[in-house]
Amino acid sequence: MNRKVMLVLGLCAVAVTAVAEDKAAAPEFPKDYRGWQYVKSMVIADKKHGLYGFHHVFVTGKGLKAFKEGKGYPEGTELVVPFYEVKEEGGAMVPGALMKTLLMKRDKKATDTGGWRFAAFDASDKPLEMDVKAGCFQCHTAKKDREFVFSEWADK
């Protein structure tokens, strides 16, 4: 084989390895998150908004102190936000059907995304394909001073 073919094959091998490593690093759906610390809820009722839905925020116990302080998240901290349809019931806005669940997991190896792994899951807990840099991290950069976490402790 000539050098050009060898170079192309080598670059392809690196690209495939990088994709495989990134997929392997994607966080798994945390089935027990409802037992974590509930920290707040929020509603975005505008169906045209990219984050439409009734949100609940949960954090693992190891990350609770950092969540309250807005920084200092230890390795392995996870934040989970299930998104529900917004439903009106008896004059109140309440959660309807589950649409998706979003996850952030603290991982110092995720240097391209501020030390966080992002993942999204459908209502059946199956992973959703997404570009985490454009679809998640790009917005989270606005909260760099809070280590890229939007939600704040509800008792502030």
C-alpha atoms as a PDB file:
ATOM      1  CA  MET A   1       0.000   0.000   0.000  1.00  0.00           C
ATOM      2  CA  ASN A   2       1.175   3.476  -0.700  1.00  0.00           C
ATOM      3  CA  ARG A   3       1.667   6.107   1.995  1.00  0.00           C
ATOM      4  CA  LYS A   4      -1.504   8.037   1.110  1.00  0.00           C
ATOM      5  CA  VAL A   5      -3.721   4.949   1.532  1.00  0.00           C
ATOM      6  CA  MET A   6      -1.977   4.084   4.813  1.00  0.00           C
ATOM      7  CA  LEU A   7      -2.541   7.637   6.097  1.00  0.00           C
ATOM      8  CA  VAL A   8      -6.252   7.577   5.186  1.00  0.00           C
ATOM      9  CA  LEU A   9      -6.713   4.158   6.821  1.00  0.00           C
ATOM     10  CA  GLY A  10      -4.899   5.395   9.918  1.00  0.00           C
ATOM     11  CA  LEU A  11      -7.091   8.501  10.176  1.00  0.00           C
ATOM     12  CA  CYS A  12     -10.227   6.379   9.742  1.00  0.00           C
ATOM     13  CA  ALA A  13      -9.070   4.067  12.538  1.00  0.00           C
ATOM     14  CA  VAL A  14      -8.522   7.060  14.843  1.00  0.00           C
ATOM     15  CA  ALA A  15     -11.974   8.483  13.985  1.00  0.00           C
ATOM     16  CA  VAL A  16     -13.705   5.142  14.592  1.00  0.00           C
ATOM     17  CA  THR A  17     -11.849   4.714  17.889  1.00  0.00           C
ATOM     18  CA  ALA A  18     -12.811   8.239  19.004  1.00  0.00           C
ATOM     19  CA  VAL A  19     -16.485   7.627  18.191  1.00  0.00           C
ATOM     20  CA  ALA A  20     -16.403   4.260  19.995  1.00  0.00           C
ATOM     21  CA  GLU A  21     -14.773   5.831  23.061  1.00  0.00           C
ATOM     22  CA  ASP A  22     -17.290   8.688  23.091  1.00  0.00           C
ATOM     23  CA  LYS A  23     -20.251   6.275  22.815  1.00  0.00           C
ATOM     24  CA  ALA A  24     -18.716   4.098  25.554  1.00  0.00           C
ATOM     25  CA  ALA A  25     -18.432   7.167  27.788  1.00  0.00           C
ATOM     26  CA  ALA A  26     -22.080   8.142  27.323  1.00  0.00           C
ATOM     27  CA  PRO A  27     -23.853   7.860  30.670  1.00  0.00           C
ATOM     28  CA  GLU A  28     -26.421   5.119  31.163  1.00  0.00           C
ATOM     29  CA  PHE A  29     -29.998   5.817  32.206  1.00  0.00           C
ATOM     30  CA  PRO A  30     -30.093   6.050  36.031  1.00  0.00           C
ATOM     31  CA  LYS A  31     -33.146   3.953  36.891  1.00  0.00           C
ATOM     32  CA  ASP A  32     -33.022   4.944  40.580  1.00  0.00           C
ATOM     33  CA  TYR A  33     -32.921   8.742  40.133  1.00  0.00           C
ATOM     34  CA  ARG A  34     -36.316   9.267  41.802  1.00  0.00           C
ATOM     35  CA  GLY A  35     -34.601   8.221  45.045  1.00  0.00           C
ATOM     36  CA  TRP A  36     -32.019  10.995  44.684  1.00  0.00           C
ATOM     37  CA  GLN A  37     -32.438  14.444  46.196  1.00  0.00           C
ATOM     38  CA  TYR A  38     -35.277  16.365  44.549  1.00  0.00           C
ATOM     39  CA  VAL A  39     -34.137  19.985  44.235  1.00  0.00           C
ATOM     40  CA  LYS A  40     -36.760  21.937  42.283  1.00  0.00           C
ATOM     41  CA  SER A  41     -39.357  22.032  39.499  1.00  0.00           C
ATOM     42  CA  MET A  42     -39.884  24.409  36.609  1.00  0.00           C
ATOM     43  CA  VAL A  43     -42.438  24.840  33.830  1.00  0.00           C
ATOM     44  CA  ILE A  44     -41.863  26.162  30.327  1.00  0.00           C
ATOM     45  CA  ALA A  45     -45.387  26.226  28.910  1.00  0.00           C
ATOM     46  CA  ASP A  46     -44.541  27.614  25.453  1.00  0.00           C
ATOM     47  CA  LYS A  47     -44.620  24.635  23.062  1.00  0.00           C
ATOM     48  CA  LYS A  48     -42.369  26.531  20.622  1.00  0.00           C
ATOM     49  CA  HIS A  49     -39.573  26.778  23.206  1.00  0.00           C
ATOM     50  CA  GLY A  50     -36.765  24.219  22.837  1.00  0.00           C
ATOM     51  CA  LEU A  51     -37.081  23.254  26.492  1.00  0.00           C
ATOM     52  CA  TYR A  52     -40.879  23.054  26.592  1.00  0.00           C
ATOM     53  CA  GLY A  53     -42.192  20.973  29.445  1.00  0.00           C
ATOM     54  CA  PHE A  54     -42.700  20.465  33.140  1.00  0.00           C
ATOM     55  CA  HIS A  55     -39.236  19.739  34.606  1.00  0.00           C
ATOM     56  CA  HIS A  56     -38.204  18.182  37.910  1.00  0.00           C
ATOM     57  CA  VAL A  57     -34.536  18.307  38.895  1.00  0.00           C
ATOM     58  CA  PHE A  58     -32.816  15.533  40.879  1.00  0.00           C
ATOM     59  CA  VAL A  59     -29.172  15.326  42.028  1.00  0.00           C
ATOM     60  CA  THR A  60     -27.152  12.456  43.475  1.00  0.00           C
ATOM     61  CA  GLY A  61     -26.353  12.762  47.167  1.00  0.00           C
ATOM     62  CA  LYS A  62     -22.639  13.283  46.504  1.00  0.00           C
ATOM     63  CA  GLY A  63     -23.453  16.402  44.470  1.00  0.00           C
ATOM     64  CA  LEU A  64     -26.023  17.996  46.790  1.00  0.00           C
ATOM     65  CA  LYS A  65     -23.596  20.259  48.688  1.00  0.00           C
ATOM     66  CA  ALA A  66     -22.114  21.507  45.399  1.00  0.00           C
ATOM     67  CA  PHE A  67     -25.597  22.032  43.967  1.00  0.00           C
ATOM     68  CA  LYS A  68     -26.533  24.213  46.954  1.00  0.00           C
ATOM     69  CA  GLU A  69     -23.294  26.207  46.561  1.00  0.00           C
ATOM     70  CA  GLY A  70     -23.404  26.355  42.749  1.00  0.00           C
ATOM     71  CA  LYS A  71     -19.947  24.817  42.264  1.00  0.00           C
ATOM     72  CA  GLY A  72     -17.490  22.183  43.415  1.00  0.00           C
ATOM     73  CA  TYR A  73     -19.229  19.173  41.844  1.00  0.00           C
ATOM     74  CA  PRO A  74     -17.336  15.982  42.698  1.00  0.00           C
ATOM     75  CA  GLU A  75     -16.507  13.387  40.055  1.00  0.00           C
ATOM     76  CA  GLY A  76     -19.511  11.163  39.327  1.00  0.00           C
ATOM     77  CA  THR A  77     -22.159  13.700  40.387  1.00  0.00           C
ATOM     78  CA  GLU A  78     -25.296  13.239  38.302  1.00  0.00           C
ATOM     79  CA  LEU A  79     -28.164  15.637  37.613  1.00  0.00           C
ATOM     80  CA  VAL A  80     -31.348  14.268  36.043  1.00  0.00           C
ATOM     81  CA  VAL A  81     -34.232  16.278  34.612  1.00  0.00           C
ATOM     82  CA  PRO A  82     -37.313  14.437  33.349  1.00  0.00           C
ATOM     83  CA  PHE A  83     -39.453  16.526  30.947  1.00  0.00           C
ATOM     84  CA  TYR A  84     -43.225  16.027  31.045  1.00  0.00           C
ATOM     85  CA  GLU A  85     -45.979  17.444  28.850  1.00  0.00           C
ATOM     86  CA  VAL A  86     -47.638  20.484  30.419  1.00  0.00           C
ATOM     87  CA  LYS A  87     -51.239  19.688  31.259  1.00  0.00           C
ATOM     88  CA  GLU A  88     -53.953  21.886  32.714  1.00  0.00           C
ATOM     89  CA  GLU A  89     -56.050  20.210  35.341  1.00  0.00           C
ATOM     90  CA  GLY A  90     -58.592  22.042  37.474  1.00  0.00           C
ATOM     91  CA  GLY A  91     -56.980  25.413  36.758  1.00  0.00           C
ATOM     92  CA  ALA A  92     -53.486  24.180  37.671  1.00  0.00           C
ATOM     93  CA  MET A  93     -50.514  23.304  35.471  1.00  0.00           C
ATOM     94  CA  VAL A  94     -49.473  19.728  36.228  1.00  0.00           C
ATOM     95  CA  PRO A  95     -47.103  17.197  34.651  1.00  0.00           C
ATOM     96  CA  GLY A  96     -48.630  15.124  31.864  1.00  0.00           C
ATOM     97  CA  ALA A  97     -46.949  12.284  29.970  1.00  0.00           C
ATOM     98  CA  LEU A  98     -43.171  11.856  30.201  1.00  0.00           C
ATOM     99  CA  MET A  99     -41.488  13.101  27.014  1.00  0.00           C
ATOM    100  CA  LYS A 100     -37.769  12.617  27.731  1.00  0.00           C
ATOM    101  CA  THR A 101     -35.184  12.570  30.495  1.00  0.00           C
ATOM    102  CA  LEU A 102     -31.933  14.535  30.378  1.00  0.00           C
ATOM    103  CA  LEU A 103     -28.777  13.690  32.305  1.00  0.00           C
ATOM    104  CA  MET A 104     -25.523  15.459  33.167  1.00  0.00           C
ATOM    105  CA  LYS A 105     -22.734  13.397  34.732  1.00  0.00           C
ATOM    106  CA  ARG A 106     -19.525  14.933  36.093  1.00  0.00           C
ATOM    107  CA  ASP A 107     -16.544  13.396  34.300  1.00  0.00           C
ATOM    108  CA  LYS A 108     -13.196  15.196  34.262  1.00  0.00           C
ATOM    109  CA  LYS A 109     -12.296  13.325  31.048  1.00  0.00           C
ATOM    110  CA  ALA A 110     -15.074  15.181  29.177  1.00  0.00           C
ATOM    111  CA  THR A 111     -12.849  18.184  28.517  1.00  0.00           C
ATOM    112  CA  ASP A 112     -14.761  19.305  25.393  1.00  0.00           C
ATOM    113  CA  THR A 113     -17.925  19.772  27.458  1.00  0.00           C
ATOM    114  CA  GLY A 114     -16.672  21.399  30.647  1.00  0.00           C
ATOM    115  CA  GLY A 115     -16.117  18.153  32.537  1.00  0.00           C
ATOM    116  CA  TRP A 116     -19.674  16.897  32.034  1.00  0.00           C
ATOM    117  CA  ARG A 117     -21.161  14.039  30.005  1.00  0.00           C
ATOM    118  CA  PHE A 118     -24.623  14.787  28.639  1.00  0.00           C
ATOM    119  CA  ALA A 119     -27.249  12.249  27.614  1.00  0.00           C
ATOM    120  CA  ALA A 120     -30.924  12.207  26.693  1.00  0.00           C
ATOM    121  CA  PHE A 121     -33.396   9.342  26.908  1.00  0.00           C
ATOM    122  CA  ASP A 122     -36.868   8.891  25.453  1.00  0.00           C
ATOM    123  CA  ALA A 123     -39.960   8.018  27.517  1.00  0.00           C
ATOM    124  CA  SER A 124     -38.937   4.331  27.318  1.00  0.00           C
ATOM    125  CA  ASP A 125     -35.491   5.116  28.807  1.00  0.00           C
ATOM    126  CA  LYS A 126     -33.761   4.454  25.479  1.00  0.00           C
ATOM    127  CA  PRO A 127     -30.858   6.770  24.536  1.00  0.00           C
ATOM    128  CA  LEU A 128     -31.599   9.564  22.065  1.00  0.00           C
ATOM    129  CA  GLU A 129     -28.978  10.467  19.462  1.00  0.00           C
ATOM    130  CA  MET A 130     -27.772  14.019  19.930  1.00  0.00           C
ATOM    131  CA  ASP A 131     -24.876  16.376  19.355  1.00  0.00           C
ATOM    132  CA  VAL A 132     -23.996  17.187  22.964  1.00  0.00           C
ATOM    133  CA  LYS A 133     -21.676  20.061  22.071  1.00  0.00           C
ATOM    134  CA  ALA A 134     -24.260  21.903  19.950  1.00  0.00           C
ATOM    135  CA  GLY A 135     -27.418  20.614  21.624  1.00  0.00           C
ATOM    136  CA  CYS A 136     -26.383  20.861  25.281  1.00  0.00           C
ATOM    137  CA  PHE A 137     -23.010  22.320  26.105  1.00  0.00           C
ATOM    138  CA  GLN A 138     -23.295  25.378  23.861  1.00  0.00           C
ATOM    139  CA  CYS A 139     -26.155  26.695  26.024  1.00  0.00           C
ATOM    140  CA  HIS A 140     -24.547  25.580  29.295  1.00  0.00           C
ATOM    141  CA  THR A 141     -21.464  27.740  28.647  1.00  0.00           C
ATOM    142  CA  ALA A 142     -23.562  30.689  29.834  1.00  0.00           C
ATOM    143  CA  LYS A 143     -23.292  29.189  33.333  1.00  0.00           C
ATOM    144  CA  LYS A 144     -19.530  28.642  33.388  1.00  0.00           C
ATOM    145  CA  ASP A 145     -19.372  30.431  36.765  1.00  0.00           C
ATOM    146  CA  ARG A 146     -21.690  27.716  38.162  1.00  0.00           C
ATOM    147  CA  GLU A 147     -19.714  24.899  36.521  1.00  0.00           C
ATOM    148  CA  PHE A 148     -22.201  24.837  33.610  1.00  0.00           C
ATOM    149  CA  VAL A 149     -25.276  23.998  35.739  1.00  0.00           C
ATOM    150  CA  PHE A 150     -28.415  26.091  35.147  1.00  0.00           C
ATOM    151  CA  SER A 151     -30.639  24.937  37.996  1.00  0.00           C
ATOM    152  CA  GLU A 152     -30.174  26.503  41.398  1.00  0.00           C
ATOM    153  CA  TRP A 153     -31.183  25.350  44.842  1.00  0.00           C
ATOM    154  CA  ALA A 154     -34.859  26.280  45.331  1.00  0.00           C
ATOM    155  CA  ASP A 155     -34.318  27.702  48.830  1.00  0.00           C
ATOM    156  CA  LYS A 156     -31.955  30.471  47.707  1.00  0.00           C
END
